[in-house]
Amino acid sequence: MSRTVEVQVLLPRDTSKPRPTVYMLDGRSANPTSNNWTDMGHADRFFEDKDVNVVLTVGGPASFYTDWKKPDPVLGTNMWDTFLARELPPLIDAKFKGNGRNAVMGVSMGAEAAMMLSIRHPQLYTAIAAHSGCFSMGTDLGQAQARAVIATYQGEPDNMFGAQDDPAWLDHDVTLHAEALRGKTIYMSVGSGVPGIHDVPGEPDVDVATAISFGGPLEAATNACTRRLTDRLRALGIPVTADFRATGTHSWPYWADELVQSWPVVAGALGV
């Protein structure tokens, strides 16, 4: 990507034996110096006693962690698919005794990216956990959503997958290519957009006013996205664990909860 790319790695207590690796993708506002999974999802505390490597991306805001057709004047050169799926896993396995069994987790933009990576590299991931994402990049609504995310960081959406009619948008449509997920352990979650237990004054890691006014409608939209992919998977006879919460906005306290909720499903697939 024409630069040194940092990732952060959490190691288990016992590093003497090979173990699986969990890759964790951030949301739209990916921080240039850290990852919100630790800053607000408290993944460092959660995984402290788990027998896995945990790899956290650093940076890549509004990138969808994918390979862009062109460098962007604002967002730079984004070749995250190549980096995350081809270059990084052999390095992690060699340096940190990865056993070749991998899971990928993501929230919001990172949830869509986790699914896109999984359909494009079906042999790489055993399990996927996707929280509050949209998964139909090739539809008018899905493309509009992706373009809006990129625009919030002043990026040029055409630099990612090309003009509106470029087939690359369809190539990255998870719902369209859901068959590639067969054989994977899949966990999906989303709230309804209705304020819930974390949308109250004094809640850490959330601006309640923003969560309700912005995160509420956004979560309602991702609820429809998640239901669409869930219905598609079930129509294909592909098992999926889906948690459709009756309440909850598009905010980190709910994703921190979902890390805990989803782990038994993911851990079972990884054999830990």
C-alpha atoms as a PDB file:
ATOM      1  CA  MET A   1       0.000   0.000   0.000  1.00  0.00           C
ATOM      2  CA  SER A   2       3.005   2.260  -0.578  1.00  0.00           C
ATOM      3  CA  ARG A   3       3.551   2.660   3.173  1.00  0.00           C
ATOM      4  CA  THR A   4       4.374   0.736   6.311  1.00  0.00           C
ATOM      5  CA  VAL A   5       1.099  -0.735   7.592  1.00  0.00           C
ATOM      6  CA  GLU A   6       0.766  -1.349  11.316  1.00  0.00           C
ATOM      7  CA  VAL A   7      -1.269  -4.121  12.869  1.00  0.00           C
ATOM      8  CA  GLN A   8      -1.552  -4.850  16.572  1.00  0.00           C
ATOM      9  CA  VAL A   9      -1.367  -8.406  17.885  1.00  0.00           C
ATOM     10  CA  LEU A  10      -2.737  -9.759  21.157  1.00  0.00           C
ATOM     11  CA  LEU A  11      -1.056 -12.978  22.271  1.00  0.00           C
ATOM     12  CA  PRO A  12      -2.382 -15.695  24.611  1.00  0.00           C
ATOM     13  CA  ARG A  13      -0.855 -16.478  27.962  1.00  0.00           C
ATOM     14  CA  ASP A  14       0.668 -19.691  26.619  1.00  0.00           C
ATOM     15  CA  THR A  15       2.643 -18.979  23.457  1.00  0.00           C
ATOM     16  CA  SER A  16       4.440 -22.324  23.348  1.00  0.00           C
ATOM     17  CA  LYS A  17       2.023 -24.113  21.018  1.00  0.00           C
ATOM     18  CA  PRO A  18       0.319 -23.311  17.689  1.00  0.00           C
ATOM     19  CA  ARG A  19      -3.099 -21.642  17.889  1.00  0.00           C
ATOM     20  CA  PRO A  20      -5.796 -20.096  15.686  1.00  0.00           C
ATOM     21  CA  THR A  21      -5.863 -16.422  14.713  1.00  0.00           C
ATOM     22  CA  VAL A  22      -8.763 -13.970  14.899  1.00  0.00           C
ATOM     23  CA  TYR A  23      -8.596 -10.958  12.566  1.00  0.00           C
ATOM     24  CA  MET A  24     -10.622  -7.944  13.777  1.00  0.00           C
ATOM     25  CA  LEU A  25     -11.726  -5.182  11.406  1.00  0.00           C
ATOM     26  CA  ASP A  26     -12.734  -1.698  12.530  1.00  0.00           C
ATOM     27  CA  GLY A  27     -15.624   0.475  11.413  1.00  0.00           C
ATOM     28  CA  ARG A  28     -15.709   3.566   9.192  1.00  0.00           C
ATOM     29  CA  SER A  29     -13.794   5.792  11.599  1.00  0.00           C
ATOM     30  CA  ALA A  30     -10.756   3.497  11.856  1.00  0.00           C
ATOM     31  CA  ASN A  31      -8.158   5.248  14.000  1.00  0.00           C
ATOM     32  CA  PRO A  32      -4.640   5.815  12.565  1.00  0.00           C
ATOM     33  CA  THR A  33      -2.973   4.727  15.825  1.00  0.00           C
ATOM     34  CA  SER A  34      -5.261   2.083  17.348  1.00  0.00           C
ATOM     35  CA  ASN A  35      -8.337  -0.073  16.797  1.00  0.00           C
ATOM     36  CA  ASN A  36     -11.777   0.583  18.256  1.00  0.00           C
ATOM     37  CA  TRP A  37     -12.142  -3.106  19.112  1.00  0.00           C
ATOM     38  CA  THR A  38      -9.696  -2.432  21.961  1.00  0.00           C
ATOM     39  CA  ASP A  39     -10.448   1.259  22.542  1.00  0.00           C
ATOM     40  CA  MET A  40     -14.216   0.772  22.910  1.00  0.00           C
ATOM     41  CA  GLY A  41     -14.918  -2.928  22.428  1.00  0.00           C
ATOM     42  CA  HIS A  42     -12.460  -3.952  25.185  1.00  0.00           C
ATOM     43  CA  ALA A  43     -11.180  -6.865  23.105  1.00  0.00           C
ATOM     44  CA  ASP A  44      -7.846  -6.773  24.921  1.00  0.00           C
ATOM     45  CA  ARG A  45      -9.541  -7.623  28.211  1.00  0.00           C
ATOM     46  CA  PHE A  46     -11.881 -10.159  26.636  1.00  0.00           C
ATOM     47  CA  PHE A  47      -9.159 -12.156  24.875  1.00  0.00           C
ATOM     48  CA  GLU A  48      -6.677 -12.026  27.755  1.00  0.00           C
ATOM     49  CA  ASP A  49      -7.479 -15.626  28.761  1.00  0.00           C
ATOM     50  CA  LYS A  50      -8.295 -16.981  25.277  1.00  0.00           C
ATOM     51  CA  ASP A  51      -5.917 -19.354  23.478  1.00  0.00           C
ATOM     52  CA  VAL A  52      -5.792 -17.452  20.178  1.00  0.00           C
ATOM     53  CA  ASN A  53      -3.788 -14.786  18.414  1.00  0.00           C
ATOM     54  CA  VAL A  54      -5.798 -11.625  17.782  1.00  0.00           C
ATOM     55  CA  VAL A  55      -4.770  -9.340  14.920  1.00  0.00           C
ATOM     56  CA  LEU A  56      -6.225  -5.816  14.883  1.00  0.00           C
ATOM     57  CA  THR A  57      -6.063  -3.527  11.880  1.00  0.00           C
ATOM     58  CA  VAL A  58      -4.809   0.031  12.375  1.00  0.00           C
ATOM     59  CA  GLY A  59      -6.063   2.798  10.095  1.00  0.00           C
ATOM     60  CA  GLY A  60      -7.965   2.459   6.836  1.00  0.00           C
ATOM     61  CA  PRO A  61     -10.948   4.747   7.488  1.00  0.00           C
ATOM     62  CA  ALA A  62     -13.734   4.428   4.911  1.00  0.00           C
ATOM     63  CA  SER A  63     -11.639   1.890   2.985  1.00  0.00           C
ATOM     64  CA  PHE A  64     -13.915  -1.169   3.357  1.00  0.00           C
ATOM     65  CA  TYR A  65     -10.638  -3.077   3.802  1.00  0.00           C
ATOM     66  CA  THR A  66     -10.645  -3.969   0.126  1.00  0.00           C
ATOM     67  CA  ASP A  67      -8.449  -3.458  -2.947  1.00  0.00           C
ATOM     68  CA  TRP A  68      -9.221  -0.144  -4.630  1.00  0.00           C
ATOM     69  CA  LYS A  69      -8.930   0.311  -8.356  1.00  0.00           C
ATOM     70  CA  LYS A  70      -7.016   3.571  -7.977  1.00  0.00           C
ATOM     71  CA  PRO A  71      -5.096   5.446  -5.287  1.00  0.00           C
ATOM     72  CA  ASP A  72      -7.224   8.135  -3.679  1.00  0.00           C
ATOM     73  CA  PRO A  73      -5.874  11.677  -3.182  1.00  0.00           C
ATOM     74  CA  VAL A  74      -7.302  11.747   0.357  1.00  0.00           C
ATOM     75  CA  LEU A  75      -7.528   8.117   1.477  1.00  0.00           C
ATOM     76  CA  GLY A  76      -4.297   6.977  -0.168  1.00  0.00           C
ATOM     77  CA  THR A  77      -3.473   3.595  -1.686  1.00  0.00           C
ATOM     78  CA  ASN A  78      -5.847   0.938  -0.360  1.00  0.00           C
ATOM     79  CA  MET A  79      -4.966  -2.681  -1.104  1.00  0.00           C
ATOM     80  CA  TRP A  80      -6.343  -4.173   2.086  1.00  0.00           C
ATOM     81  CA  ASP A  81      -7.683  -7.357   0.488  1.00  0.00           C
ATOM     82  CA  THR A  82      -4.210  -8.249  -0.754  1.00  0.00           C
ATOM     83  CA  PHE A  83      -2.632  -7.255   2.553  1.00  0.00           C
ATOM     84  CA  LEU A  84      -5.101  -8.996   4.886  1.00  0.00           C
ATOM     85  CA  ALA A  85      -5.779 -12.150   2.884  1.00  0.00           C
ATOM     86  CA  ARG A  86      -2.522 -12.839   1.054  1.00  0.00           C
ATOM     87  CA  GLU A  87       0.434 -11.057   2.663  1.00  0.00           C
ATOM     88  CA  LEU A  88      -0.373 -10.936   6.371  1.00  0.00           C
ATOM     89  CA  PRO A  89      -1.557 -14.469   7.324  1.00  0.00           C
ATOM     90  CA  PRO A  90       1.720 -16.226   6.410  1.00  0.00           C
ATOM     91  CA  LEU A  91       3.641 -13.630   8.421  1.00  0.00           C
ATOM     92  CA  ILE A  92       1.373 -14.005  11.455  1.00  0.00           C
ATOM     93  CA  ASP A  93       1.528 -17.794  11.292  1.00  0.00           C
ATOM     94  CA  ALA A  94       5.320 -17.785  11.031  1.00  0.00           C
ATOM     95  CA  LYS A  95       5.977 -15.156  13.704  1.00  0.00           C
ATOM     96  CA  PHE A  96       3.248 -16.045  16.208  1.00  0.00           C
ATOM     97  CA  LYS A  97       2.694 -19.794  15.689  1.00  0.00           C
ATOM     98  CA  GLY A  98      -0.623 -19.516  13.894  1.00  0.00           C
ATOM     99  CA  ASN A  99      -1.984 -22.948  13.020  1.00  0.00           C
ATOM    100  CA  GLY A 100      -3.690 -21.873   9.772  1.00  0.00           C
ATOM    101  CA  ARG A 101      -7.195 -21.802  11.246  1.00  0.00           C
ATOM    102  CA  ASN A 102      -8.584 -18.267  11.064  1.00  0.00           C
ATOM    103  CA  ALA A 103     -11.659 -16.247  11.950  1.00  0.00           C
ATOM    104  CA  VAL A 104     -12.549 -12.706  10.893  1.00  0.00           C
ATOM    105  CA  MET A 105     -14.748 -10.276  12.819  1.00  0.00           C
ATOM    106  CA  GLY A 106     -15.975  -6.815  11.902  1.00  0.00           C
ATOM    107  CA  VAL A 107     -18.392  -4.064  12.854  1.00  0.00           C
ATOM    108  CA  SER A 108     -20.287  -1.751  10.502  1.00  0.00           C
ATOM    109  CA  MET A 109     -17.943  -1.137   7.532  1.00  0.00           C
ATOM    110  CA  GLY A 110     -15.707  -3.876   8.924  1.00  0.00           C
ATOM    111  CA  ALA A 111     -18.625  -6.317   9.016  1.00  0.00           C
ATOM    112  CA  GLU A 112     -19.173  -5.881   5.290  1.00  0.00           C
ATOM    113  CA  ALA A 113     -15.425  -6.155   4.739  1.00  0.00           C
ATOM    114  CA  ALA A 114     -15.253  -9.388   6.757  1.00  0.00           C
ATOM    115  CA  MET A 115     -17.921 -10.921   4.548  1.00  0.00           C
ATOM    116  CA  MET A 116     -16.338  -9.614   1.332  1.00  0.00           C
ATOM    117  CA  LEU A 117     -12.974 -11.085   2.286  1.00  0.00           C
ATOM    118  CA  SER A 118     -14.677 -14.382   3.077  1.00  0.00           C
ATOM    119  CA  ILE A 119     -16.439 -14.733  -0.279  1.00  0.00           C
ATOM    120  CA  ARG A 120     -13.264 -13.801  -2.150  1.00  0.00           C
ATOM    121  CA  HIS A 121     -10.966 -16.072  -0.107  1.00  0.00           C
ATOM    122  CA  PRO A 122     -13.230 -18.943   0.929  1.00  0.00           C
ATOM    123  CA  GLN A 123     -10.367 -21.198   2.025  1.00  0.00           C
ATOM    124  CA  LEU A 124      -8.892 -18.665   4.458  1.00  0.00           C
ATOM    125  CA  TYR A 125     -11.537 -18.247   7.157  1.00  0.00           C
ATOM    126  CA  THR A 126     -13.250 -20.927   9.213  1.00  0.00           C
ATOM    127  CA  ALA A 127     -15.581 -18.512  11.015  1.00  0.00           C
ATOM    128  CA  ILE A 128     -17.029 -15.038  10.453  1.00  0.00           C
ATOM    129  CA  ALA A 129     -18.706 -12.675  12.923  1.00  0.00           C
ATOM    130  CA  ALA A 130     -20.321  -9.621  11.340  1.00  0.00           C
ATOM    131  CA  HIS A 131     -22.080  -7.018  13.451  1.00  0.00           C
ATOM    132  CA  SER A 132     -24.325  -4.232  12.074  1.00  0.00           C
ATOM    133  CA  GLY A 133     -23.182  -4.368   8.465  1.00  0.00           C
ATOM    134  CA  CYS A 134     -24.658  -4.098   4.969  1.00  0.00           C
ATOM    135  CA  PHE A 135     -23.829  -6.833   2.506  1.00  0.00           C
ATOM    136  CA  SER A 136     -25.291  -5.974  -0.901  1.00  0.00           C
ATOM    137  CA  MET A 137     -22.654  -3.761  -2.488  1.00  0.00           C
ATOM    138  CA  GLY A 138     -23.956  -4.444  -6.005  1.00  0.00           C
ATOM    139  CA  THR A 139     -27.462  -3.080  -5.426  1.00  0.00           C
ATOM    140  CA  ASP A 140     -28.324   0.583  -5.913  1.00  0.00           C
ATOM    141  CA  LEU A 141     -28.977   0.999  -2.195  1.00  0.00           C
ATOM    142  CA  GLY A 142     -25.865  -0.902  -1.163  1.00  0.00           C
ATOM    143  CA  GLN A 143     -23.639   1.054  -3.519  1.00  0.00           C
ATOM    144  CA  ALA A 144     -25.178   4.342  -2.368  1.00  0.00           C
ATOM    145  CA  GLN A 145     -24.441   3.384   1.229  1.00  0.00           C
ATOM    146  CA  ALA A 146     -20.807   2.565   0.422  1.00  0.00           C
ATOM    147  CA  ARG A 147     -20.367   5.762  -1.556  1.00  0.00           C
ATOM    148  CA  ALA A 148     -21.802   7.772   1.336  1.00  0.00           C
ATOM    149  CA  VAL A 149     -19.329   6.189   3.766  1.00  0.00           C
ATOM    150  CA  ILE A 150     -16.373   7.044   1.527  1.00  0.00           C
ATOM    151  CA  ALA A 151     -17.643  10.583   0.988  1.00  0.00           C
ATOM    152  CA  THR A 152     -17.717  11.235   4.741  1.00  0.00           C
ATOM    153  CA  TYR A 153     -13.915  11.094   4.606  1.00  0.00           C
ATOM    154  CA  GLN A 154     -13.723  13.163   1.403  1.00  0.00           C
ATOM    155  CA  GLY A 155     -12.693  10.148  -0.629  1.00  0.00           C
ATOM    156  CA  GLU A 156     -13.733   9.608  -4.255  1.00  0.00           C
ATOM    157  CA  PRO A 157     -16.006   6.517  -4.372  1.00  0.00           C
ATOM    158  CA  ASP A 158     -15.171   5.778  -8.027  1.00  0.00           C
ATOM    159  CA  ASN A 159     -11.594   5.087  -6.935  1.00  0.00           C
ATOM    160  CA  MET A 160     -12.752   2.025  -5.000  1.00  0.00           C
ATOM    161  CA  PHE A 161     -14.714  -0.074  -7.508  1.00  0.00           C
ATOM    162  CA  GLY A 162     -15.136   2.304 -10.439  1.00  0.00           C
ATOM    163  CA  ALA A 163     -18.181   4.012 -11.896  1.00  0.00           C
ATOM    164  CA  GLN A 164     -21.688   2.978 -10.912  1.00  0.00           C
ATOM    165  CA  ASP A 165     -21.953   0.343 -13.650  1.00  0.00           C
ATOM    166  CA  ASP A 166     -18.507  -1.180 -13.091  1.00  0.00           C
ATOM    167  CA  PRO A 167     -18.839  -4.962 -12.534  1.00  0.00           C
ATOM    168  CA  ALA A 168     -16.459  -4.728  -9.567  1.00  0.00           C
ATOM    169  CA  TRP A 169     -19.424  -3.587  -7.459  1.00  0.00           C
ATOM    170  CA  LEU A 170     -21.218  -6.839  -8.235  1.00  0.00           C
ATOM    171  CA  ASP A 171     -18.037  -8.834  -7.670  1.00  0.00           C
ATOM    172  CA  HIS A 172     -18.011  -7.657  -4.052  1.00  0.00           C
ATOM    173  CA  ASP A 173     -21.720  -8.202  -3.387  1.00  0.00           C
ATOM    174  CA  VAL A 174     -21.878 -10.740  -0.541  1.00  0.00           C
ATOM    175  CA  THR A 175     -25.572 -11.530  -0.925  1.00  0.00           C
ATOM    176  CA  LEU A 176     -25.063 -12.235  -4.621  1.00  0.00           C
ATOM    177  CA  HIS A 177     -22.110 -14.531  -3.910  1.00  0.00           C
ATOM    178  CA  ALA A 178     -23.445 -16.045  -0.686  1.00  0.00           C
ATOM    179  CA  GLU A 179     -22.811 -19.585  -1.955  1.00  0.00           C
ATOM    180  CA  ALA A 180     -19.103 -18.980  -1.316  1.00  0.00           C
ATOM    181  CA  LEU A 181     -19.896 -18.916   2.417  1.00  0.00           C
ATOM    182  CA  ARG A 182     -21.000 -22.545   2.465  1.00  0.00           C
ATOM    183  CA  GLY A 183     -19.074 -24.531   5.031  1.00  0.00           C
ATOM    184  CA  LYS A 184     -18.227 -21.473   7.150  1.00  0.00           C
ATOM    185  CA  THR A 185     -19.443 -20.844  10.682  1.00  0.00           C
ATOM    186  CA  ILE A 186     -21.344 -17.550  10.443  1.00  0.00           C
ATOM    187  CA  TYR A 187     -22.549 -15.282  13.233  1.00  0.00           C
ATOM    188  CA  MET A 188     -24.435 -12.072  12.424  1.00  0.00           C
ATOM    189  CA  SER A 189     -25.967  -9.510  14.757  1.00  0.00           C
ATOM    190  CA  VAL A 190     -27.802  -6.214  14.547  1.00  0.00           C
ATOM    191  CA  GLY A 191     -30.075  -4.019  16.637  1.00  0.00           C
ATOM    192  CA  SER A 192     -33.395  -2.518  15.601  1.00  0.00           C
ATOM    193  CA  GLY A 193     -32.452   1.142  15.903  1.00  0.00           C
ATOM    194  CA  VAL A 194     -34.799   1.635  18.851  1.00  0.00           C
ATOM    195  CA  PRO A 195     -32.861   3.034  21.841  1.00  0.00           C
ATOM    196  CA  GLY A 196     -31.836   0.263  24.204  1.00  0.00           C
ATOM    197  CA  ILE A 197     -29.995  -0.424  27.438  1.00  0.00           C
ATOM    198  CA  HIS A 198     -26.824   1.448  26.437  1.00  0.00           C
ATOM    199  CA  ASP A 199     -28.548   4.550  25.058  1.00  0.00           C
ATOM    200  CA  VAL A 200     -28.781   6.308  28.401  1.00  0.00           C
ATOM    201  CA  PRO A 201     -26.906   9.246  29.961  1.00  0.00           C
ATOM    202  CA  GLY A 202     -23.620   8.288  31.569  1.00  0.00           C
ATOM    203  CA  GLU A 203     -22.991   5.265  29.363  1.00  0.00           C
ATOM    204  CA  PRO A 204     -19.249   5.068  28.571  1.00  0.00           C
ATOM    205  CA  ASP A 205     -18.026   4.848  24.962  1.00  0.00           C
ATOM    206  CA  VAL A 206     -21.165   6.412  23.493  1.00  0.00           C
ATOM    207  CA  ASP A 207     -22.556   9.880  22.795  1.00  0.00           C
ATOM    208  CA  VAL A 208     -26.201   9.208  23.565  1.00  0.00           C
ATOM    209  CA  ALA A 209     -27.625  12.077  21.518  1.00  0.00           C
ATOM    210  CA  THR A 210     -25.641  11.019  18.436  1.00  0.00           C
ATOM    211  CA  ALA A 211     -26.395   7.346  19.016  1.00  0.00           C
ATOM    212  CA  ILE A 212     -30.122   8.007  19.001  1.00  0.00           C
ATOM    213  CA  SER A 213     -30.342  10.643  16.247  1.00  0.00           C
ATOM    214  CA  PHE A 214     -27.763   9.153  13.859  1.00  0.00           C
ATOM    215  CA  GLY A 215     -27.068   5.641  15.095  1.00  0.00           C
ATOM    216  CA  GLY A 216     -30.744   4.746  15.442  1.00  0.00           C
ATOM    217  CA  PRO A 217     -31.707   5.192  11.769  1.00  0.00           C
ATOM    218  CA  LEU A 218     -28.379   3.725  10.660  1.00  0.00           C
ATOM    219  CA  GLU A 219     -28.903   0.587  12.716  1.00  0.00           C
ATOM    220  CA  ALA A 220     -32.439   0.244  11.379  1.00  0.00           C
ATOM    221  CA  ALA A 221     -30.966   0.263   7.856  1.00  0.00           C
ATOM    222  CA  THR A 222     -28.321  -2.323   8.725  1.00  0.00           C
ATOM    223  CA  ASN A 223     -31.064  -4.438  10.277  1.00  0.00           C
ATOM    224  CA  ALA A 224     -32.682  -4.675   6.836  1.00  0.00           C
ATOM    225  CA  CYS A 225     -29.281  -5.459   5.284  1.00  0.00           C
ATOM    226  CA  THR A 226     -28.598  -8.215   7.794  1.00  0.00           C
ATOM    227  CA  ARG A 227     -32.035  -9.728   7.365  1.00  0.00           C
ATOM    228  CA  ARG A 228     -31.577  -9.786   3.586  1.00  0.00           C
ATOM    229  CA  LEU A 229     -28.334 -11.761   3.801  1.00  0.00           C
ATOM    230  CA  THR A 230     -29.680 -14.024   6.523  1.00  0.00           C
ATOM    231  CA  ASP A 231     -32.708 -14.865   4.392  1.00  0.00           C
ATOM    232  CA  ARG A 232     -30.438 -15.558   1.407  1.00  0.00           C
ATOM    233  CA  LEU A 233     -28.192 -17.884   3.405  1.00  0.00           C
ATOM    234  CA  ARG A 234     -31.144 -19.807   4.785  1.00  0.00           C
ATOM    235  CA  ALA A 235     -32.688 -20.080   1.322  1.00  0.00           C
ATOM    236  CA  LEU A 236     -29.427 -21.672   0.176  1.00  0.00           C
ATOM    237  CA  GLY A 237     -29.429 -24.035   3.137  1.00  0.00           C
ATOM    238  CA  ILE A 238     -26.315 -22.426   4.649  1.00  0.00           C
ATOM    239  CA  PRO A 239     -26.487 -22.367   8.471  1.00  0.00           C
ATOM    240  CA  VAL A 240     -26.185 -18.972  10.150  1.00  0.00           C
ATOM    241  CA  THR A 241     -26.555 -17.816  13.736  1.00  0.00           C
ATOM    242  CA  ALA A 242     -28.333 -14.451  13.669  1.00  0.00           C
ATOM    243  CA  ASP A 243     -29.042 -12.233  16.648  1.00  0.00           C
ATOM    244  CA  PHE A 244     -31.703  -9.653  15.790  1.00  0.00           C
ATOM    245  CA  ARG A 245     -31.924  -7.572  18.956  1.00  0.00           C
ATOM    246  CA  ALA A 246     -35.245  -5.879  19.700  1.00  0.00           C
ATOM    247  CA  THR A 247     -33.452  -2.641  20.589  1.00  0.00           C
ATOM    248  CA  GLY A 248     -30.044  -1.038  20.123  1.00  0.00           C
ATOM    249  CA  THR A 249     -28.349   1.660  18.059  1.00  0.00           C
ATOM    250  CA  HIS A 250     -25.266   1.687  15.839  1.00  0.00           C
ATOM    251  CA  SER A 251     -22.766   2.081  18.670  1.00  0.00           C
ATOM    252  CA  TRP A 252     -19.884   0.345  20.386  1.00  0.00           C
ATOM    253  CA  PRO A 253     -21.419  -0.807  23.678  1.00  0.00           C
ATOM    254  CA  TYR A 254     -23.678  -3.173  21.723  1.00  0.00           C
ATOM    255  CA  TRP A 255     -20.749  -4.496  19.677  1.00  0.00           C
ATOM    256  CA  ALA A 256     -18.762  -5.093  22.857  1.00  0.00           C
ATOM    257  CA  ASP A 257     -21.710  -7.184  24.051  1.00  0.00           C
ATOM    258  CA  GLU A 258     -21.809  -9.042  20.745  1.00  0.00           C
ATOM    259  CA  LEU A 259     -18.133  -9.949  21.009  1.00  0.00           C
ATOM    260  CA  VAL A 260     -19.017 -11.868  24.151  1.00  0.00           C
ATOM    261  CA  GLN A 261     -22.205 -13.324  22.647  1.00  0.00           C
ATOM    262  CA  SER A 262     -20.594 -14.436  19.404  1.00  0.00           C
ATOM    263  CA  TRP A 263     -17.427 -15.930  20.869  1.00  0.00           C
ATOM    264  CA  PRO A 264     -18.782 -19.388  21.767  1.00  0.00           C
ATOM    265  CA  VAL A 265     -19.899 -19.853  18.140  1.00  0.00           C
ATOM    266  CA  VAL A 266     -16.572 -18.640  16.749  1.00  0.00           C
ATOM    267  CA  ALA A 267     -14.503 -20.503  19.332  1.00  0.00           C
ATOM    268  CA  GLY A 268     -16.283 -23.748  18.551  1.00  0.00           C
ATOM    269  CA  ALA A 269     -15.400 -23.404  14.882  1.00  0.00           C
ATOM    270  CA  LEU A 270     -11.768 -22.663  15.756  1.00  0.00           C
ATOM    271  CA  GLY A 271     -11.540 -25.615  18.123  1.00  0.00           C
ATOM    272  CA  VAL A 272     -10.641 -23.604  21.222  1.00  0.00           C
END
